[in-house]
């Protein structure tokens, strides 16, 4: 496929949005998810123990769930992005070490390997994720009660 300036700009903008998502989650700035998810977005975190829902439901879930994890790092790579005009799809690899607060048992670190399977749309505010599904690849050292 021919690379035009517009296609390159679109890809860079999508990649920046994906990195912004990681920073927003790790910095717990959940209201900023409006900057990466479309207003009508559907997000499915069920493969990794979360919920599926719209943007507002996901923000509420994250506000409730994330305090159990004092430290997280969402690191993405292998960004397979397919552009088609004002829509695009993506399959993004994520490596996610997480620390969990377990009181007297300490703060163990566990590791998650997953893929984000995405659909993107160009909006008046730039590219946004319209549909995101987490796809589990592997996990290591996850506390047994989490059932991942």
N, C-alpha and C. Protein backbone atom coordinates (compact mmCIF):
# COMPACT_ATOMS: atom_id res chain seq x y z
N UNK A 1 0.83 -1.18 0.00
CA UNK A 1 0.00 0.00 0.00
C UNK A 1 0.89 1.25 0.00
N UNK A 2 0.49 2.23 -0.75
CA UNK A 2 1.27 3.46 -0.87
C UNK A 2 1.17 4.30 0.40
N UNK A 3 2.32 4.77 0.86
CA UNK A 3 2.36 5.63 2.04
C UNK A 3 2.29 7.09 1.60
N UNK A 4 1.22 7.75 1.94
CA UNK A 4 1.08 9.18 1.68
C UNK A 4 1.35 9.92 2.98
N UNK A 5 1.51 11.23 2.89
CA UNK A 5 1.69 12.03 4.10
C UNK A 5 0.49 11.88 5.04
N UNK A 6 -0.71 11.81 4.47
CA UNK A 6 -1.90 11.66 5.30
C UNK A 6 -1.90 10.31 6.03
N UNK A 7 -1.55 9.25 5.34
CA UNK A 7 -1.50 7.92 5.98
C UNK A 7 -0.46 7.89 7.10
N UNK A 8 0.69 8.51 6.86
CA UNK A 8 1.72 8.54 7.89
C UNK A 8 1.25 9.37 9.09
N UNK A 9 0.63 10.52 8.82
CA UNK A 9 0.12 11.35 9.90
C UNK A 9 -0.95 10.61 10.70
N UNK A 10 -1.84 9.89 10.01
CA UNK A 10 -2.88 9.12 10.70
C UNK A 10 -2.26 8.06 11.60
N UNK A 11 -1.29 7.35 11.07
CA UNK A 11 -0.64 6.30 11.87
C UNK A 11 0.06 6.88 13.08
N UNK A 12 0.79 7.97 12.92
CA UNK A 12 1.46 8.60 14.06
C UNK A 12 0.44 9.05 15.11
N UNK A 13 -0.67 9.61 14.65
CA UNK A 13 -1.69 10.07 15.60
C UNK A 13 -2.29 8.88 16.36
N UNK A 14 -2.55 7.79 15.67
CA UNK A 14 -3.09 6.60 16.35
C UNK A 14 -2.06 6.06 17.35
N UNK A 15 -0.80 5.98 16.94
CA UNK A 15 0.23 5.48 17.86
C UNK A 15 0.36 6.38 19.09
N UNK A 16 0.30 7.71 18.89
CA UNK A 16 0.34 8.63 20.03
C UNK A 16 -0.85 8.40 20.96
N UNK A 17 -2.02 8.18 20.38
CA UNK A 17 -3.22 7.92 21.18
C UNK A 17 -3.05 6.65 22.00
N UNK A 18 -2.45 5.61 21.41
CA UNK A 18 -2.24 4.35 22.12
C UNK A 18 -1.28 4.54 23.30
N UNK A 19 -0.24 5.33 23.10
CA UNK A 19 0.70 5.62 24.19
C UNK A 19 -0.01 6.46 25.26
N UNK A 20 -0.81 7.43 24.83
CA UNK A 20 -1.57 8.24 25.79
C UNK A 20 -2.44 7.35 26.67
N UNK A 21 -3.11 6.36 26.06
CA UNK A 21 -3.94 5.42 26.83
C UNK A 21 -3.12 4.79 27.96
N UNK A 22 -1.93 4.31 27.65
CA UNK A 22 -1.09 3.66 28.66
C UNK A 22 -0.76 4.61 29.80
N UNK A 23 -0.37 5.83 29.46
CA UNK A 23 -0.05 6.81 30.50
C UNK A 23 -1.28 7.15 31.34
N UNK A 24 -2.42 7.32 30.70
CA UNK A 24 -3.66 7.64 31.42
C UNK A 24 -3.99 6.54 32.43
N UNK A 25 -3.89 5.29 32.02
CA UNK A 25 -4.18 4.18 32.93
C UNK A 25 -3.16 4.13 34.06
N UNK A 26 -1.88 4.18 33.75
CA UNK A 26 -0.85 4.06 34.78
C UNK A 26 -0.82 5.25 35.73
N UNK A 27 -1.24 6.42 35.26
CA UNK A 27 -1.29 7.60 36.11
C UNK A 27 -2.66 7.81 36.75
N UNK A 28 -3.58 6.90 36.45
CA UNK A 28 -4.93 6.91 37.03
C UNK A 28 -5.68 8.22 36.77
N UNK A 29 -5.56 8.70 35.56
CA UNK A 29 -6.26 9.92 35.14
C UNK A 29 -7.47 9.53 34.29
N UNK A 30 -8.37 8.76 34.88
CA UNK A 30 -9.42 8.08 34.13
C UNK A 30 -10.37 9.02 33.38
N UNK A 31 -10.56 10.25 33.87
CA UNK A 31 -11.40 11.18 33.12
C UNK A 31 -10.80 11.52 31.76
N UNK A 32 -9.48 11.38 31.63
CA UNK A 32 -8.81 11.64 30.36
C UNK A 32 -9.07 10.54 29.32
N UNK A 33 -9.73 9.47 29.71
CA UNK A 33 -10.04 8.42 28.73
C UNK A 33 -10.95 8.95 27.63
N UNK A 34 -11.62 10.08 27.88
CA UNK A 34 -12.41 10.72 26.82
C UNK A 34 -11.51 11.15 25.67
N UNK A 35 -10.21 11.32 25.92
CA UNK A 35 -9.26 11.72 24.89
C UNK A 35 -8.85 10.56 23.99
N UNK A 36 -9.13 9.32 24.41
CA UNK A 36 -8.72 8.18 23.59
C UNK A 36 -9.89 7.30 23.16
N UNK A 37 -10.98 7.28 23.92
CA UNK A 37 -12.15 6.47 23.54
C UNK A 37 -13.22 7.35 22.92
N UNK A 38 -13.80 6.88 21.83
CA UNK A 38 -14.92 7.58 21.21
C UNK A 38 -16.10 7.62 22.19
N UNK A 39 -16.95 8.58 21.99
CA UNK A 39 -18.11 8.74 22.88
C UNK A 39 -18.95 7.47 22.93
N UNK A 40 -19.07 6.77 21.81
CA UNK A 40 -19.89 5.55 21.74
C UNK A 40 -19.04 4.28 21.84
N UNK A 41 -17.87 4.37 22.43
CA UNK A 41 -16.94 3.23 22.50
C UNK A 41 -17.51 2.07 23.30
N UNK A 42 -17.08 0.87 22.91
CA UNK A 42 -17.35 -0.35 23.66
C UNK A 42 -16.00 -0.97 24.00
N UNK A 43 -15.78 -1.23 25.28
CA UNK A 43 -14.49 -1.73 25.76
C UNK A 43 -14.74 -3.03 26.51
N UNK A 44 -13.97 -4.06 26.19
CA UNK A 44 -14.14 -5.37 26.81
C UNK A 44 -12.83 -5.80 27.47
N UNK A 45 -12.80 -5.71 28.80
CA UNK A 45 -11.64 -6.12 29.59
C UNK A 45 -11.84 -7.49 30.24
N UNK A 46 -12.83 -8.25 29.82
CA UNK A 46 -13.19 -9.49 30.53
C UNK A 46 -12.11 -10.57 30.44
N UNK A 47 -11.33 -10.59 29.39
CA UNK A 47 -10.30 -11.64 29.25
C UNK A 47 -9.26 -11.56 30.36
N UNK A 48 -9.10 -10.38 30.95
CA UNK A 48 -8.09 -10.19 31.99
C UNK A 48 -8.76 -9.90 33.35
N UNK A 49 -10.01 -10.31 33.51
CA UNK A 49 -10.68 -10.21 34.80
C UNK A 49 -11.48 -8.96 35.03
N UNK A 50 -11.63 -8.12 34.02
CA UNK A 50 -12.38 -6.88 34.18
C UNK A 50 -13.81 -7.01 33.68
N UNK A 51 -14.37 -5.90 33.26
CA UNK A 51 -15.74 -5.86 32.77
C UNK A 51 -15.75 -5.45 31.30
N UNK A 52 -16.91 -5.51 30.70
CA UNK A 52 -17.16 -4.95 29.38
C UNK A 52 -18.21 -3.86 29.56
N UNK A 53 -18.03 -2.76 28.84
CA UNK A 53 -19.01 -1.69 28.96
C UNK A 53 -18.66 -0.51 28.10
N UNK A 54 -19.49 0.53 28.24
CA UNK A 54 -19.24 1.76 27.50
C UNK A 54 -18.19 2.59 28.22
N UNK A 55 -17.85 3.71 27.66
CA UNK A 55 -16.76 4.54 28.18
C UNK A 55 -16.99 4.93 29.64
N UNK A 56 -18.20 5.36 29.98
CA UNK A 56 -18.48 5.79 31.36
C UNK A 56 -18.43 4.61 32.33
N UNK A 57 -18.94 3.46 31.92
CA UNK A 57 -18.89 2.27 32.78
C UNK A 57 -17.44 1.85 33.02
N UNK A 58 -16.62 1.93 31.99
CA UNK A 58 -15.21 1.55 32.13
C UNK A 58 -14.48 2.51 33.06
N UNK A 59 -14.75 3.80 32.93
CA UNK A 59 -14.11 4.77 33.83
C UNK A 59 -14.50 4.50 35.28
N UNK A 60 -15.76 4.22 35.53
CA UNK A 60 -16.21 3.91 36.89
C UNK A 60 -15.56 2.63 37.41
N UNK A 61 -15.48 1.61 36.56
CA UNK A 61 -14.83 0.36 36.95
C UNK A 61 -13.37 0.60 37.31
N UNK A 62 -12.64 1.33 36.49
CA UNK A 62 -11.23 1.57 36.75
C UNK A 62 -11.02 2.37 38.04
N UNK A 63 -11.88 3.34 38.31
CA UNK A 63 -11.77 4.10 39.56
C UNK A 63 -11.92 3.18 40.77
N UNK A 64 -12.75 2.17 40.63
CA UNK A 64 -12.99 1.23 41.73
C UNK A 64 -11.90 0.16 41.82
N UNK A 65 -11.45 -0.36 40.68
CA UNK A 65 -10.54 -1.51 40.68
C UNK A 65 -9.08 -1.14 40.84
N UNK A 66 -8.65 -0.06 40.26
CA UNK A 66 -7.21 0.22 40.18
C UNK A 66 -6.53 0.56 41.51
N UNK A 67 -7.22 1.06 42.52
CA UNK A 67 -6.52 1.31 43.79
C UNK A 67 -5.88 0.05 44.41
N UNK A 68 -6.33 -1.13 44.03
CA UNK A 68 -5.73 -2.38 44.53
C UNK A 68 -4.33 -2.61 43.96
N UNK A 69 -3.97 -1.83 42.94
CA UNK A 69 -2.68 -1.99 42.26
C UNK A 69 -1.86 -0.72 42.41
N UNK A 70 -0.98 -0.64 43.42
CA UNK A 70 -0.21 0.59 43.63
C UNK A 70 0.68 0.97 42.46
N UNK A 71 1.13 0.00 41.69
CA UNK A 71 2.00 0.29 40.54
C UNK A 71 1.61 -0.59 39.37
N UNK A 72 1.53 0.04 38.20
CA UNK A 72 1.30 -0.69 36.95
C UNK A 72 2.13 -0.03 35.87
N UNK A 73 2.47 -0.81 34.86
CA UNK A 73 3.14 -0.27 33.68
C UNK A 73 2.58 -0.97 32.45
N UNK A 74 1.87 -0.23 31.66
CA UNK A 74 1.35 -0.75 30.40
C UNK A 74 2.35 -0.40 29.30
N UNK A 75 3.07 -1.40 28.82
CA UNK A 75 4.07 -1.19 27.78
C UNK A 75 3.59 -1.84 26.50
N UNK A 76 3.47 -1.05 25.44
CA UNK A 76 2.94 -1.57 24.18
C UNK A 76 4.02 -1.63 23.12
N UNK A 77 3.81 -2.56 22.19
CA UNK A 77 4.72 -2.70 21.05
C UNK A 77 4.00 -3.48 19.96
N UNK A 78 4.72 -3.79 18.90
CA UNK A 78 4.18 -4.57 17.79
C UNK A 78 2.81 -4.04 17.37
N UNK A 79 2.77 -2.76 17.07
CA UNK A 79 1.51 -2.11 16.70
C UNK A 79 1.18 -2.41 15.24
N UNK A 80 0.26 -3.31 15.05
CA UNK A 80 -0.23 -3.62 13.71
C UNK A 80 -1.46 -2.76 13.47
N UNK A 81 -1.33 -1.74 12.65
CA UNK A 81 -2.41 -0.79 12.40
C UNK A 81 -2.74 -0.83 10.91
N UNK A 82 -4.02 -1.02 10.60
CA UNK A 82 -4.48 -1.07 9.22
C UNK A 82 -5.44 0.09 8.99
N UNK A 83 -5.03 1.03 8.16
CA UNK A 83 -5.83 2.22 7.88
C UNK A 83 -6.72 2.00 6.68
N UNK A 84 -7.94 2.55 6.76
CA UNK A 84 -8.89 2.51 5.64
C UNK A 84 -9.73 3.78 5.69
N UNK A 85 -9.18 4.87 5.21
CA UNK A 85 -9.90 6.14 5.24
C UNK A 85 -10.05 6.66 6.67
N UNK A 86 -11.31 6.84 7.08
CA UNK A 86 -11.60 7.39 8.40
C UNK A 86 -11.80 6.33 9.47
N UNK A 87 -11.48 5.08 9.15
CA UNK A 87 -11.52 4.00 10.13
C UNK A 87 -10.21 3.22 10.04
N UNK A 88 -9.93 2.48 11.09
CA UNK A 88 -8.72 1.67 11.10
C UNK A 88 -8.91 0.55 12.12
N UNK A 89 -8.07 -0.46 12.02
CA UNK A 89 -8.06 -1.53 13.01
C UNK A 89 -6.65 -1.67 13.54
N UNK A 90 -6.55 -2.27 14.71
CA UNK A 90 -5.24 -2.47 15.31
C UNK A 90 -5.19 -3.72 16.16
N UNK A 91 -4.01 -4.28 16.22
CA UNK A 91 -3.71 -5.39 17.14
C UNK A 91 -2.39 -4.99 17.80
N UNK A 92 -2.48 -4.69 19.10
CA UNK A 92 -1.39 -4.07 19.82
C UNK A 92 -0.95 -4.98 20.97
N UNK A 93 0.33 -5.30 21.04
CA UNK A 93 0.86 -6.14 22.12
C UNK A 93 1.06 -5.28 23.37
N UNK A 94 0.70 -5.84 24.52
CA UNK A 94 0.90 -5.14 25.79
C UNK A 94 1.55 -6.08 26.81
N UNK A 95 2.61 -5.60 27.43
CA UNK A 95 3.26 -6.26 28.56
C UNK A 95 2.95 -5.41 29.78
N UNK A 96 2.36 -6.03 30.81
CA UNK A 96 1.83 -5.26 31.92
C UNK A 96 2.24 -5.86 33.27
N UNK A 97 3.39 -5.42 33.83
CA UNK A 97 3.69 -5.79 35.21
C UNK A 97 2.80 -4.97 36.14
N UNK A 98 2.29 -5.63 37.17
CA UNK A 98 1.41 -4.97 38.13
C UNK A 98 1.81 -5.37 39.54
N UNK A 99 1.73 -4.43 40.44
CA UNK A 99 1.96 -4.69 41.85
C UNK A 99 0.60 -4.66 42.53
N UNK A 100 0.36 -5.60 43.45
CA UNK A 100 -0.93 -5.68 44.12
C UNK A 100 -0.75 -5.52 45.62
N UNK A 101 -1.60 -4.72 46.22
CA UNK A 101 -1.58 -4.52 47.67
C UNK A 101 -2.33 -5.67 48.35
N UNK A 102 -1.58 -6.47 49.14
CA UNK A 102 -2.21 -7.60 49.85
C UNK A 102 -2.02 -7.48 51.37
N UNK A 103 -1.92 -6.26 51.87
CA UNK A 103 -1.82 -6.05 53.32
C UNK A 103 -0.60 -6.72 53.92
N UNK A 104 -0.82 -7.60 54.89
CA UNK A 104 0.27 -8.27 55.59
C UNK A 104 1.07 -9.20 54.67
N UNK A 105 0.48 -9.60 53.56
CA UNK A 105 1.17 -10.48 52.61
C UNK A 105 2.08 -9.69 51.67
N UNK A 106 2.10 -8.38 51.82
CA UNK A 106 3.01 -7.57 51.03
C UNK A 106 2.42 -7.07 49.73
N UNK A 107 3.31 -6.76 48.81
CA UNK A 107 2.94 -6.21 47.50
C UNK A 107 3.59 -7.03 46.40
N UNK A 108 3.07 -8.22 46.11
CA UNK A 108 3.68 -9.02 45.05
C UNK A 108 3.49 -8.38 43.67
N UNK A 109 4.44 -8.70 42.80
CA UNK A 109 4.36 -8.23 41.42
C UNK A 109 3.98 -9.43 40.55
N UNK A 110 3.04 -9.21 39.66
CA UNK A 110 2.70 -10.24 38.68
C UNK A 110 2.75 -9.60 37.30
N UNK A 111 2.73 -10.46 36.28
CA UNK A 111 2.94 -10.00 34.91
C UNK A 111 1.83 -10.53 34.01
N UNK A 112 1.36 -9.66 33.13
CA UNK A 112 0.33 -10.03 32.17
C UNK A 112 0.83 -9.74 30.76
N UNK A 113 0.56 -10.67 29.86
CA UNK A 113 0.83 -10.47 28.44
C UNK A 113 -0.50 -10.52 27.71
N UNK A 114 -0.79 -9.51 26.94
CA UNK A 114 -2.09 -9.45 26.28
C UNK A 114 -1.99 -8.70 24.96
N UNK A 115 -3.06 -8.77 24.23
CA UNK A 115 -3.20 -8.01 22.98
C UNK A 115 -4.43 -7.12 23.13
N UNK A 116 -4.35 -5.91 22.61
CA UNK A 116 -5.52 -5.07 22.41
C UNK A 116 -5.94 -5.23 20.97
N UNK A 117 -7.17 -5.65 20.76
CA UNK A 117 -7.73 -5.78 19.42
C UNK A 117 -8.71 -4.63 19.26
N UNK A 118 -8.37 -3.68 18.41
CA UNK A 118 -9.04 -2.39 18.37
C UNK A 118 -9.67 -2.08 17.02
N UNK A 119 -10.67 -1.20 17.09
CA UNK A 119 -11.20 -0.49 15.93
C UNK A 119 -11.12 0.99 16.26
N UNK A 120 -10.62 1.79 15.32
CA UNK A 120 -10.44 3.22 15.51
C UNK A 120 -11.32 3.98 14.53
N UNK A 121 -11.66 5.20 14.91
CA UNK A 121 -12.42 6.07 14.04
C UNK A 121 -11.88 7.49 14.13
N UNK A 122 -11.90 8.17 13.00
CA UNK A 122 -11.50 9.58 12.98
C UNK A 122 -12.71 10.39 13.42
N UNK A 123 -12.52 11.25 14.40
CA UNK A 123 -13.59 12.13 14.88
C UNK A 123 -13.17 13.58 14.66
N UNK A 124 -14.04 14.50 15.00
CA UNK A 124 -13.70 15.91 14.93
C UNK A 124 -12.59 16.30 15.89
N UNK A 125 -12.30 15.45 16.85
CA UNK A 125 -11.25 15.69 17.84
C UNK A 125 -10.02 14.82 17.58
N UNK A 126 -9.97 14.14 16.45
CA UNK A 126 -8.85 13.26 16.14
C UNK A 126 -9.26 11.80 16.21
N UNK A 127 -8.29 10.93 16.10
CA UNK A 127 -8.55 9.48 16.14
C UNK A 127 -8.94 9.06 17.55
N UNK A 128 -9.91 8.14 17.62
CA UNK A 128 -10.36 7.60 18.89
C UNK A 128 -10.58 6.09 18.73
N UNK A 129 -10.47 5.39 19.86
CA UNK A 129 -10.77 3.95 19.89
C UNK A 129 -12.29 3.83 19.99
N UNK A 130 -12.89 3.12 19.04
CA UNK A 130 -14.34 2.90 19.07
C UNK A 130 -14.67 1.54 19.70
N UNK A 131 -13.76 0.59 19.54
CA UNK A 131 -14.02 -0.76 20.06
C UNK A 131 -12.68 -1.34 20.49
N UNK A 132 -12.62 -1.84 21.72
CA UNK A 132 -11.38 -2.46 22.22
C UNK A 132 -11.73 -3.74 22.96
N UNK A 133 -11.03 -4.82 22.60
CA UNK A 133 -11.17 -6.09 23.29
C UNK A 133 -9.78 -6.54 23.72
N UNK A 134 -9.64 -6.86 25.01
CA UNK A 134 -8.39 -7.44 25.47
C UNK A 134 -8.41 -8.93 25.15
N UNK A 135 -7.29 -9.42 24.63
CA UNK A 135 -7.13 -10.84 24.33
C UNK A 135 -5.95 -11.35 25.15
N UNK A 136 -6.22 -12.28 26.04
CA UNK A 136 -5.16 -12.80 26.92
C UNK A 136 -4.17 -13.63 26.13
N UNK A 137 -2.89 -13.42 26.43
CA UNK A 137 -1.84 -14.24 25.86
C UNK A 137 -1.27 -15.14 26.95
N UNK A 138 -0.85 -14.54 28.08
CA UNK A 138 -0.26 -15.31 29.16
C UNK A 138 -0.30 -14.50 30.46
N UNK A 139 -0.02 -15.16 31.56
CA UNK A 139 0.12 -14.48 32.85
C UNK A 139 1.16 -15.23 33.68
N UNK A 140 1.77 -14.51 34.63
CA UNK A 140 2.80 -15.10 35.48
C UNK A 140 2.67 -14.51 36.88
N UNK A 141 2.68 -15.38 37.88
CA UNK A 141 2.69 -15.00 39.28
C UNK A 141 1.42 -14.28 39.72
N UNK A 142 0.34 -14.51 39.05
CA UNK A 142 -0.94 -13.87 39.40
C UNK A 142 -1.47 -14.53 40.68
N UNK A 143 -1.89 -13.74 41.68
CA UNK A 143 -2.48 -14.34 42.89
C UNK A 143 -3.63 -15.26 42.53
N UNK A 144 -3.67 -16.42 43.18
CA UNK A 144 -4.62 -17.49 42.83
C UNK A 144 -6.08 -17.01 42.86
N UNK A 145 -6.41 -16.14 43.78
CA UNK A 145 -7.81 -15.70 43.90
C UNK A 145 -8.28 -14.85 42.71
N UNK A 146 -7.33 -14.40 41.89
CA UNK A 146 -7.71 -13.57 40.74
C UNK A 146 -8.21 -14.40 39.55
N UNK A 147 -7.93 -15.69 39.52
CA UNK A 147 -8.43 -16.59 38.48
C UNK A 147 -8.14 -16.11 37.06
N UNK A 148 -6.93 -15.66 36.80
CA UNK A 148 -6.58 -15.28 35.43
C UNK A 148 -5.91 -16.45 34.79
